[in-house]
Amino acid sequence: MSWEQTLRFKTSYQFSEQTFFGDTDDSVRLNVIRNFPWLTSLLPNEMRTEYLSMWNDIVKGEDLLGAFKRSATNPMLLNWRQRDFVSRSMPEMLGLLGPLEVQQYLWPIMQMLLVDSVSLVREDAEWAIPLLLRAYCTENIGDGEASSSKRWSADVCKHVIVWIKDTILGTQKNAKGEGGKAANFSKRQQYCRICAAVGLAIRFGDLKPSEQWDRKLRSAVSRQESYVPYQTLSSAERKHLRRLLVYDLLPPALEMKDDRVTNVRLTLMKVLQAMPDDIKQLASVNEVLKELEDEVETWESFNGGEQQSRQQPQPAPTASAPRQVAPKPQVNDEQGRRNNRERVAVFNSHDTENRAAI
């Protein structure tokens, strides 16, 4: 890019920063947020940091993530879609920057997105966790001594995983050595989904070129311009993600097999089913997965038998013999009149006797 093109880009970017981000129309602001990764990909690597700093200040400002106090008098603060678009743009942004820029600019933003009050914002941010950990792989750190790069990679990965456990699962201990407040069931499900995102990232990286949906795009343009998250893992990156998943992330999730909330156990089962084959074959994972699948199979068989018994037709009532009614004695008219005259005579005689007594 020549200096004239650079100057024009700087002018246009500063104009968009001052104009489009502050536009009153939601669609304008949403499109600026959504297309920023694409605009950043057009810049050389040495120029991205400057504009990333501007973008970082805007995203963390009071109009977006910095507005912790939601007020009904300010509709812009209530627009969660802007924060969701920031979450969706994280995977692309992570692939365009180096590990140092990721740690300095993107990781603080992701921390805010992962604890957002809107569940959809949190769920979209979860998919960027494996790409964040991937950026901290030793081979991506760049020039420097191997020992220092390895130590820095281990430190930042530990920081990220400890933050996830402390914030989502509430494992942080206070000054007295007591554990923090236990996470509710939605937080435990969120932790399981983070494990699933890392596992699926490994599976996507294992796909053959013929199985990847973007193979035509990547064959037409260069690798740098056609970066697609999850489908460009190297062997070192895969090994790095697998180690973090097996030894750091999965153990707390496997303990949820006895969780008192059914939805948490079901989420864990689906997460383990989505893991790569080499992870599912681990003894600890296979044992928990089989136990959860047996539990679900028991529920389904019980409910299926109960529904079948309800749907069975009831036997039709057998036809019983008609009830025999004794025939009334036949009385002719003459005999009936004679009986009535006799009853009247008896009544009159009793009435006469009663009056005489009085």
Protein backbone atom coordinates (compact mmCIF):
# COMPACT_ATOMS: atom_id res chain seq x y z
CA MET A 1 0.00 0.00 0.00
CA SER A 2 1.49 3.35 -1.08
CA TRP A 3 1.59 6.40 1.18
CA GLU A 4 -1.25 8.01 -0.80
CA GLN A 5 -3.46 4.97 -0.27
CA THR A 6 -2.48 4.90 3.38
CA LEU A 7 -3.41 8.55 3.80
CA ARG A 8 -6.78 8.04 2.11
CA PHE A 9 -7.49 5.01 4.28
CA LYS A 10 -6.60 6.89 7.46
CA THR A 11 -8.84 9.77 6.48
CA SER A 12 -11.76 7.51 5.59
CA TYR A 13 -11.35 5.46 8.76
CA GLN A 14 -11.26 8.51 11.01
CA PHE A 15 -14.34 9.83 9.21
CA SER A 16 -16.17 6.53 9.73
CA GLU A 17 -15.12 6.48 13.38
CA GLN A 18 -16.51 9.95 14.02
CA THR A 19 -19.60 9.60 11.85
CA PHE A 20 -20.83 6.03 11.51
CA PHE A 21 -20.21 4.81 15.05
CA GLY A 22 -22.19 7.75 16.38
CA ASP A 23 -25.00 7.45 13.85
CA THR A 24 -28.52 7.34 15.27
CA ASP A 25 -29.51 4.49 12.94
CA ASP A 26 -28.86 1.06 14.46
CA SER A 27 -28.26 -0.59 11.10
CA VAL A 28 -25.41 1.82 10.29
CA ARG A 29 -23.60 1.11 13.55
CA LEU A 30 -24.19 -2.64 13.23
CA ASN A 31 -22.71 -2.71 9.72
CA VAL A 32 -19.64 -0.77 10.85
CA ILE A 33 -19.04 -3.28 13.64
CA ARG A 34 -19.65 -6.27 11.38
CA ASN A 35 -17.35 -5.09 8.57
CA PHE A 36 -14.46 -3.86 10.71
CA PRO A 37 -12.56 -7.20 10.54
CA TRP A 38 -12.78 -7.11 6.75
CA LEU A 39 -11.50 -3.53 6.66
CA THR A 40 -8.67 -4.46 9.01
CA SER A 41 -7.65 -7.38 6.78
CA LEU A 42 -6.93 -4.89 3.96
CA LEU A 43 -4.22 -3.22 6.00
CA PRO A 44 -0.62 -4.40 6.30
CA ASN A 45 0.24 -6.00 9.62
CA GLU A 46 2.29 -3.02 10.79
CA MET A 47 -0.71 -0.67 10.40
CA ARG A 48 -3.36 -2.77 12.11
CA THR A 49 -2.33 -1.98 15.66
CA GLU A 50 -2.98 1.74 15.26
CA TYR A 51 -6.57 1.27 14.12
CA LEU A 52 -7.15 -1.58 16.51
CA SER A 53 -6.44 0.80 19.37
CA MET A 54 -9.11 3.20 18.06
CA TRP A 55 -11.60 0.38 17.61
CA ASN A 56 -10.82 -0.92 21.09
CA ASP A 57 -11.55 2.47 22.65
CA ILE A 58 -14.87 2.71 20.82
CA VAL A 59 -16.03 -0.81 21.71
CA LYS A 60 -15.09 -0.42 25.37
CA GLY A 61 -16.60 3.07 25.49
CA GLU A 62 -19.87 4.13 27.06
CA ASP A 63 -21.86 3.54 23.88
CA LEU A 64 -21.10 -0.20 23.78
CA LEU A 65 -19.48 -2.46 26.37
CA GLY A 66 -18.50 0.23 28.83
CA ALA A 67 -22.10 1.03 29.73
CA PHE A 68 -22.60 -1.27 32.69
CA LYS A 69 -25.60 0.71 33.89
CA ARG A 70 -28.49 0.03 31.57
CA SER A 71 -30.99 2.88 31.54
CA ALA A 72 -34.34 2.96 29.79
CA THR A 73 -33.75 6.64 29.06
CA ASN A 74 -30.84 5.75 26.77
CA PRO A 75 -32.00 3.28 24.07
CA MET A 76 -28.46 2.93 22.72
CA LEU A 77 -27.38 1.28 25.95
CA LEU A 78 -30.20 -1.23 25.70
CA ASN A 79 -29.29 -2.28 22.16
CA TRP A 80 -27.78 -5.68 22.83
CA ARG A 81 -27.46 -6.39 19.10
CA GLN A 82 -24.43 -4.14 18.90
CA ARG A 83 -22.70 -6.16 21.59
CA ASP A 84 -23.74 -9.37 19.82
CA PHE A 85 -22.16 -8.16 16.58
CA VAL A 86 -18.95 -7.49 18.50
CA SER A 87 -19.10 -11.11 19.75
CA ARG A 88 -19.60 -12.39 16.21
CA SER A 89 -16.64 -10.40 14.92
CA MET A 90 -14.23 -11.79 17.52
CA PRO A 91 -13.23 -14.98 15.60
CA GLU A 92 -12.22 -12.95 12.54
CA MET A 93 -10.40 -10.36 14.61
CA LEU A 94 -8.42 -13.03 16.46
CA GLY A 95 -7.09 -14.39 13.19
CA LEU A 96 -5.82 -11.03 12.00
CA LEU A 97 -3.68 -10.07 14.99
CA GLY A 98 -0.64 -11.40 16.76
CA PRO A 99 -0.74 -12.91 20.25
CA LEU A 100 0.52 -9.74 21.95
CA GLU A 101 -2.20 -7.59 20.36
CA VAL A 102 -4.77 -10.26 21.18
CA GLN A 103 -3.76 -10.24 24.83
CA GLN A 104 -3.70 -6.45 25.04
CA TYR A 105 -6.83 -5.51 23.08
CA LEU A 106 -9.14 -8.47 22.41
CA TRP A 107 -8.95 -10.51 25.60
CA PRO A 108 -10.33 -7.65 27.80
CA ILE A 109 -13.24 -7.27 25.36
CA MET A 110 -13.96 -10.97 25.46
CA GLN A 111 -14.03 -10.89 29.24
CA MET A 112 -16.82 -8.34 29.07
CA LEU A 113 -18.73 -10.29 26.42
CA LEU A 114 -18.59 -13.60 28.30
CA VAL A 115 -20.39 -12.07 31.30
CA ASP A 116 -22.93 -10.03 29.31
CA SER A 117 -26.47 -9.91 30.64
CA VAL A 118 -27.88 -11.27 27.33
CA SER A 119 -27.42 -14.99 26.80
CA LEU A 120 -27.03 -14.74 23.01
CA VAL A 121 -24.11 -12.34 23.40
CA ARG A 122 -22.39 -14.78 25.76
CA GLU A 123 -23.03 -17.77 23.50
CA ASP A 124 -21.57 -16.04 20.44
CA ALA A 125 -18.51 -15.01 22.45
CA GLU A 126 -17.90 -18.62 23.52
CA TRP A 127 -16.98 -19.60 19.97
CA ALA A 128 -13.96 -17.27 20.10
CA ILE A 129 -12.38 -19.04 23.10
CA PRO A 130 -10.59 -21.77 21.06
CA LEU A 131 -9.23 -19.16 18.65
CA LEU A 132 -8.01 -17.08 21.57
CA LEU A 133 -6.16 -20.09 23.00
CA ARG A 134 -4.87 -20.94 19.56
CA ALA A 135 -3.36 -17.47 19.20
CA TYR A 136 -1.29 -18.19 22.33
CA CYS A 137 0.34 -21.25 20.79
CA THR A 138 4.12 -21.15 21.05
CA GLU A 139 4.67 -21.22 17.30
CA ASN A 140 2.49 -18.10 16.87
CA ILE A 141 4.41 -15.93 19.33
CA GLY A 142 7.08 -15.07 16.81
CA ASP A 143 10.75 -14.31 17.18
CA GLY A 144 12.47 -14.84 20.51
CA GLU A 145 13.93 -17.58 22.57
CA ALA A 146 11.95 -20.78 22.59
CA SER A 147 12.03 -21.03 26.37
CA SER A 148 10.68 -17.51 26.89
CA SER A 149 7.99 -18.00 24.24
CA LYS A 150 6.92 -21.26 25.82
CA ARG A 151 6.82 -19.69 29.26
CA TRP A 152 4.77 -16.71 28.03
CA SER A 153 2.35 -19.03 26.26
CA ALA A 154 1.86 -21.13 29.39
CA ASP A 155 1.32 -18.03 31.55
CA VAL A 156 -1.33 -16.39 29.37
CA CYS A 157 -3.18 -19.67 28.77
CA LYS A 158 -3.23 -20.30 32.51
CA HIS A 159 -4.53 -16.79 33.08
CA VAL A 160 -7.39 -17.30 30.61
CA ILE A 161 -8.41 -20.72 31.96
CA VAL A 162 -8.22 -19.61 35.59
CA TRP A 163 -10.38 -16.59 34.78
CA ILE A 164 -12.96 -18.81 33.05
CA LYS A 165 -13.13 -21.18 36.01
CA ASP A 166 -13.25 -18.40 38.60
CA THR A 167 -15.81 -16.26 36.77
CA ILE A 168 -18.11 -18.91 35.34
CA LEU A 169 -17.80 -21.75 37.84
CA GLY A 170 -17.06 -19.60 40.88
CA THR A 171 -13.93 -21.51 41.93
CA GLN A 172 -12.01 -18.49 43.18
CA LYS A 173 -11.21 -18.66 46.90
CA ASN A 174 -11.39 -15.74 49.27
CA ALA A 175 -8.82 -14.66 51.87
CA LYS A 176 -10.04 -17.34 54.31
CA GLY A 177 -9.44 -20.08 51.76
CA GLU A 178 -13.14 -20.64 51.21
CA GLY A 179 -14.55 -21.20 47.76
CA GLY A 180 -16.56 -18.55 45.99
CA LYS A 181 -20.24 -18.57 45.27
CA ALA A 182 -21.22 -21.67 43.35
CA ALA A 183 -22.31 -21.06 39.77
CA ASN A 184 -25.95 -21.54 38.86
CA PHE A 185 -26.97 -24.18 36.36
CA SER A 186 -26.85 -21.79 33.36
CA LYS A 187 -23.22 -20.95 34.18
CA ARG A 188 -22.35 -24.64 34.38
CA GLN A 189 -23.95 -25.17 30.99
CA GLN A 190 -21.93 -22.24 29.63
CA TYR A 191 -18.72 -23.87 30.84
CA CYS A 192 -19.69 -27.10 29.07
CA ARG A 193 -20.35 -25.18 25.86
CA ILE A 194 -16.89 -23.61 26.03
CA CYS A 195 -15.42 -27.12 26.18
CA ALA A 196 -17.56 -28.06 23.19
CA ALA A 197 -16.27 -25.05 21.22
CA VAL A 198 -12.67 -26.12 21.77
CA GLY A 199 -13.46 -29.72 20.84
CA LEU A 200 -15.28 -28.69 17.66
CA ALA A 201 -12.41 -26.39 16.69
CA ILE A 202 -10.11 -29.41 16.81
CA ARG A 203 -12.55 -31.46 14.73
CA PHE A 204 -12.88 -28.70 12.12
CA GLY A 205 -9.11 -28.50 11.91
CA ASP A 206 -8.97 -32.25 11.23
CA LEU A 207 -11.16 -31.97 8.14
CA LYS A 208 -9.59 -32.87 4.83
CA PRO A 209 -9.33 -30.09 2.24
CA SER A 210 -12.05 -31.74 0.16
CA GLU A 211 -14.40 -31.68 3.16
CA GLN A 212 -13.95 -27.99 3.94
CA TRP A 213 -16.70 -25.74 2.64
CA ASP A 214 -14.30 -22.87 1.85
CA ARG A 215 -11.83 -24.85 -0.29
CA LYS A 216 -12.81 -23.03 -3.53
CA LEU A 217 -12.38 -19.65 -1.87
CA ARG A 218 -8.97 -20.51 -0.45
CA SER A 219 -7.78 -21.88 -3.78
CA ALA A 220 -8.71 -18.62 -5.53
CA VAL A 221 -7.02 -16.18 -3.14
CA SER A 222 -4.03 -16.19 -0.87
CA ARG A 223 -4.03 -17.71 2.62
CA GLN A 224 -3.82 -14.32 4.34
CA GLU A 225 -6.91 -12.95 2.60
CA SER A 226 -8.94 -16.12 2.95
CA TYR A 227 -8.49 -16.73 6.64
CA VAL A 228 -11.42 -18.76 7.93
CA PRO A 229 -11.62 -19.61 11.63
CA TYR A 230 -11.33 -23.21 12.81
CA GLN A 231 -10.23 -24.71 9.49
CA THR A 232 -6.55 -23.75 9.39
CA LEU A 233 -5.09 -25.53 12.44
CA SER A 234 -1.50 -26.65 12.25
CA SER A 235 -0.28 -29.78 14.00
CA ALA A 236 1.30 -27.70 16.77
CA GLU A 237 -1.89 -25.70 17.27
CA ARG A 238 -3.96 -28.87 17.42
CA LYS A 239 -1.64 -30.36 20.01
CA HIS A 240 -1.78 -27.13 21.99
CA LEU A 241 -5.60 -27.02 22.05
CA ARG A 242 -5.90 -30.71 22.84
CA ARG A 243 -3.59 -30.41 25.83
CA LEU A 244 -5.52 -27.46 27.25
CA LEU A 245 -8.83 -29.21 26.70
CA VAL A 246 -7.89 -32.58 28.20
CA TYR A 247 -5.84 -31.43 31.17
CA ASP A 248 -7.35 -28.05 32.07
CA LEU A 249 -10.90 -27.60 30.76
CA LEU A 250 -12.49 -31.05 30.74
CA PRO A 251 -11.82 -32.24 34.33
CA PRO A 252 -14.27 -29.76 35.96
CA ALA A 253 -16.83 -30.55 33.27
CA LEU A 254 -16.58 -34.31 33.86
CA GLU A 255 -17.44 -33.74 37.52
CA MET A 256 -20.86 -32.49 36.38
CA LYS A 257 -21.96 -36.02 35.52
CA ASP A 258 -23.61 -36.12 38.96
CA ASP A 259 -25.06 -32.61 38.73
CA ARG A 260 -28.45 -32.27 40.38
CA VAL A 261 -29.87 -30.40 37.36
CA THR A 262 -30.90 -32.66 34.49
CA ASN A 263 -30.23 -30.06 31.79
CA VAL A 264 -26.61 -29.75 32.90
CA ARG A 265 -26.09 -33.51 32.58
CA LEU A 266 -27.76 -33.53 29.16
CA THR A 267 -25.56 -30.64 28.01
CA LEU A 268 -22.47 -32.48 29.21
CA MET A 269 -23.50 -35.60 27.32
CA LYS A 270 -23.96 -33.66 24.06
CA VAL A 271 -20.62 -31.93 24.60
CA LEU A 272 -18.77 -35.22 25.07
CA GLN A 273 -20.48 -36.67 22.00
CA ALA A 274 -19.13 -33.76 19.94
CA MET A 275 -15.53 -34.33 21.01
CA PRO A 276 -12.87 -35.65 18.59
CA ASP A 277 -12.53 -39.42 18.51
CA ASP A 278 -9.13 -39.47 20.21
CA ILE A 279 -10.59 -37.54 23.17
CA LYS A 280 -13.76 -39.62 23.39
CA GLN A 281 -11.62 -42.76 23.61
CA LEU A 282 -9.94 -41.55 26.80
CA ALA A 283 -10.94 -43.72 29.75
CA SER A 284 -12.24 -40.84 31.88
CA VAL A 285 -14.28 -39.35 29.05
CA ASN A 286 -15.61 -42.67 27.76
CA GLU A 287 -16.76 -43.75 31.22
CA VAL A 288 -18.70 -40.54 31.88
CA LEU A 289 -20.21 -40.50 28.38
CA LYS A 290 -21.40 -44.11 28.67
CA GLU A 291 -22.93 -43.43 32.09
CA LEU A 292 -24.85 -40.41 30.79
CA GLU A 293 -26.03 -42.23 27.66
CA ASP A 294 -27.27 -45.13 29.77
CA GLU A 295 -29.19 -42.71 31.95
CA VAL A 296 -30.85 -41.10 28.93
CA GLU A 297 -31.64 -44.52 27.46
CA THR A 298 -33.31 -45.50 30.73
CA TRP A 299 -35.47 -42.39 30.65
CA GLU A 300 -36.47 -42.98 27.05
CA SER A 301 -37.34 -46.64 27.63
CA PHE A 302 -39.39 -45.78 30.72
CA ASN A 303 -41.25 -42.96 29.01
CA GLY A 304 -41.74 -45.05 25.89
CA GLY A 305 -43.29 -47.93 27.87
CA GLU A 306 -45.52 -45.56 29.78
CA GLN A 307 -46.78 -43.90 26.62
CA GLN A 308 -47.34 -47.28 24.99
CA SER A 309 -49.46 -48.44 27.92
CA ARG A 310 -51.49 -45.27 27.67
CA GLN A 311 -52.03 -45.74 23.96
CA GLN A 312 -53.19 -49.39 24.24
CA PRO A 313 -56.95 -49.68 23.40
CA GLN A 314 -59.20 -50.53 26.31
CA PRO A 315 -61.23 -53.78 25.88
CA ALA A 316 -64.78 -53.21 24.79
CA PRO A 317 -67.43 -54.03 27.44
CA THR A 318 -69.04 -57.45 26.95
CA ALA A 319 -72.74 -57.53 26.13
CA SER A 320 -74.71 -58.70 29.16
CA ALA A 321 -78.04 -60.48 29.10
CA PRO A 322 -81.06 -58.19 29.39
CA ARG A 323 -82.41 -57.83 32.91
CA GLN A 324 -85.47 -59.93 33.60
CA VAL A 325 -88.32 -57.91 35.04
CA ALA A 326 -91.11 -59.75 36.82
CA PRO A 327 -94.45 -59.21 35.08
CA LYS A 328 -97.02 -57.24 36.96
CA PRO A 329 -100.24 -59.10 37.85
CA GLN A 330 -103.01 -58.44 35.42
CA VAL A 331 -106.09 -56.83 37.00
CA ASN A 332 -109.29 -56.35 35.02
CA ASP A 333 -111.45 -53.23 35.30
CA GLU A 334 -114.32 -54.79 37.25
CA GLN A 335 -112.06 -56.20 39.91
CA GLY A 336 -110.25 -52.87 40.20
CA ARG A 337 -113.49 -50.98 40.82
CA ARG A 338 -114.57 -53.53 43.44
CA ASN A 339 -111.28 -53.13 45.31
CA ASN A 340 -111.65 -49.36 45.33
CA ARG A 341 -115.19 -49.58 46.75
CA GLU A 342 -113.99 -51.87 49.51
CA ARG A 343 -111.15 -49.49 50.49
CA VAL A 344 -113.56 -46.52 50.57
CA ALA A 345 -116.01 -48.43 52.79
CA VAL A 346 -113.30 -49.37 55.24
CA PHE A 347 -112.13 -45.75 55.41
CA ASN A 348 -115.67 -44.46 56.08
CA SER A 349 -116.26 -46.98 58.87
CA HIS A 350 -113.04 -45.95 60.59
CA ASP A 351 -113.95 -42.29 60.24
CA THR A 352 -117.43 -42.87 61.82
CA GLU A 353 -115.88 -44.68 64.81
CA ASN A 354 -113.41 -41.85 65.39
CA ARG A 355 -116.14 -39.20 65.44
CA ALA A 356 -118.25 -41.23 67.91
CA ALA A 357 -115.27 -41.51 70.23
CA ILE A 358 -114.83 -37.75 70.19
